[in-house]
Amino acid sequence: MTLDRRSLLGGAAAAAVATASHASQTAPSSAPAGARSSGLFVKEDDGLEAARFDRLPLDWHKGRVRALQAHLQQEGLAGALLSDRWNLIYFTGLFHSTTERPFTVYLPADRMAAIWFHPSLDRDLVASWWSTEADSYFDFLHADGAFPNEGKVQQGRTVDLFEWTMRGLKKRGLEGKRIATDRELSARQQETVRKVFTKETKFESIGDRCEKMRAIKTPEELALWRRAYRVFDETHAFARDLLLEKGTDLTDFALGHAAEEFGMNLIMKDIKRDGAPHNAVGITLGVGVRSGRGTGYPHPNQFHHNRIQKGHALQIAGGVRIGGCGGELYRAFLIHPYNDHRKKLWTVSRDCCLMQKDLSREGVACSTVAYQIHQHQVKEGVAKYVYHRPAHGMGMEGHQMPYLALGDYTMLEPGMIFSVEPGLYDTENDFGVNFSDGFVVRPGGQPSLQMSRLPWSEEWCLVKL
């Protein structure tokens, strides 16, 4: 049977995404999408309520600036020059696109101000957000004096935009100061600093401190993460129900795209938006499904457009963010029939996920968690199927420090969030098993909090079509 996208999503085209049943034959035809699988959700009893807001407010970002300012003042630094995209968003709340065009903000240590150095194409975004002062260049590469948007079209000399930024700092009285930056200056940039400033002006990196601040999530961030995961829980339930209903009529590609459309519609249903900037920001939802041989590779490079078959391993995976907050959620399926070897790898991988939840506690070293998980894998006789560390930290940018890796001795702190990926891969037998979720380190030595409501059970993951 061949299904195009219209028939896949139901007899009434898009109606299936919003309202039609994708439950199994045992569910009533009027049941909402995902009803069968959502009945298996793990009950939340961790006290973390989902946010009602869909982006962190500007006051929250300014609160992060105040925390940074306290450090700057303690160290005798005049302010911070930030150019890393994720630091700009974290400290100012200005969501923007990063290209080859330099985009920088200076945050003084002694007052609440945002001084921007930005390309002209972002001028409306900057002006309509938090901007105390701003200097702009036309575009990369910028010609001196050329601003076609002001009617000034000329072929001036190519402007060194780092030098241009330094001169912007100098005219604001920062000569002879110590200035923090989130990037180490190159030798060429240091030479430019000496050229621009007559008095010795030092730039000192606080990149690690900024990243550490981003790694430890505040209660507001955690609430928004939970909101994003609530949507992704329902998206996974939809995908599982569609898998059970349509089964081998589907390709992995079709299943993933149907789930993605369902999930995005679910997100946007409650997002306030009017087309203006600074609303509906930091929103992503992606679902990738792979069936069969492609599951045997941790980072496959082949495109997934394969007919789902009985006996296949199948992974429903993806990531979600609302207002930049959210992370990964994967579940690994085995479709009957499967042999004992496949069941063994699935079980060991699943059990390692549960181990990670219990082991990841405040005050424990990342390396210790990784060591115990890898030891369990070896003890269970699956060492040859181990390809990578159990987990990475998660943030707005995706992978984030710290890492549950043997060489990372960072101590776990409350608010850190990790993926859950002690996967196992058997390329010789054309299958693999890899889960993921979001585990949050909690205070007081408690086991980690699970962001999703998805179970780790055989009932959820070992299915018959």
Foldseek 3Di string as FASTA:
>chain_A
DADDLQPLQHPVRVCSLFFFDLFAPVDDRRDGFLVVVVVQFFDDDPPQAADLAQADDQVQLCVVVLVVLVVCVVVQAQWEKEFDQVLCCSNGVQHDDDDPWTWIWIATSPDGATEIEGEPVCVVSQVVGGHPHYDYAHTVQGAPPADVVVVRHDRHDGDPVLLVVLLVVVVVPQAQGEYEYLDDDDPVSVVSNVVRHVHDYHYHHPNVVSQVVQQFDDSVLLSNQLVFQVLVLSLVSSLLSNCNHCPQNAFQVSSFVSSQVSSVVVVVVSFDDDPDPPGFPLWDKGKGKAKWLVQQDPDDPDDGGGGHDAQIKMKIKIWTGGNLHYAIWMFIAGEPPYDPVVVLQLVLLLVLLVLLQLPQEAFAFLLVNQVVSLVSCVVSPQNVFFDDTQKAWQGSVHGGDDTSHNPGGDGHDFRGKIWGFRKGHDNVRRHIGTGTFIWTHHPDGGGTDTSHRRDSDCVSHYYYD
